[in-house]
Amino acid sequence: SYVPDQPFLYEKLTGREFLEFIREMYGMDARLGNQRIEMLIDTFQLNGFVDDLTESYSHGMKQRTVFAAALLHQPEVLIVDEPMVGLDPKSQRLVKDLMRQEIARGGTVFMSTHLLGDVEELATRIGIVHRGKLIGCGTLDTLRRQAAHDGSLEDVFLRLTAEEPNDAPAVKEGT
């Protein structure tokens, strides 16, 4: 499944109708699919607005609904693009916890983001793309060795993407 940074919903459907539409698109059993829809409505705290037209939703409400739709059929692979955009801190925590749960159940999550703190917190493998090329891939420790720096992912990223060796920002020793 895919969760874009700009969530798309059919604006003349309610959130529930949209989730039912997704259930039907995946050919899920109606009874089991509806049970899963209700579980996801509770999980993503959609209860207060799920029966309103999605055209009235805020960005965060749309994002949570799209996440619910993406997880409805229990995909093996979840691709998320800037998943925290437009989410309040409580919803961000919810999404992070759900991504961890997906991984724990054996799923794979590919996350594209500029929020390196989230990557550092969630990822087991990290790919760094610079100017359209993959310039680093591996665990944070692997990337630290590649950058010859034991700092945060942000520090490692800045070192690996520096145009010239002297372009890397000064990093305090011991950080």
Foldseek 3Di string as FASTA:
>chain_A
DEQEPQFDDDQQAALLVRLVVLCVVVPHDPVVLVVLLVVLCVLLVVVVGRRPGCNPDFRQSRLSSVVSSQPSVPDQEYEYEASCPPHDPVNVVSVLVVQVVSVVVNHYYHYHHPPQVSCLVRPQKDWQADPRDTQDIGGPVRLCVVLVHDDGPVLSNQSSHQPDNVRRDDDDPPD
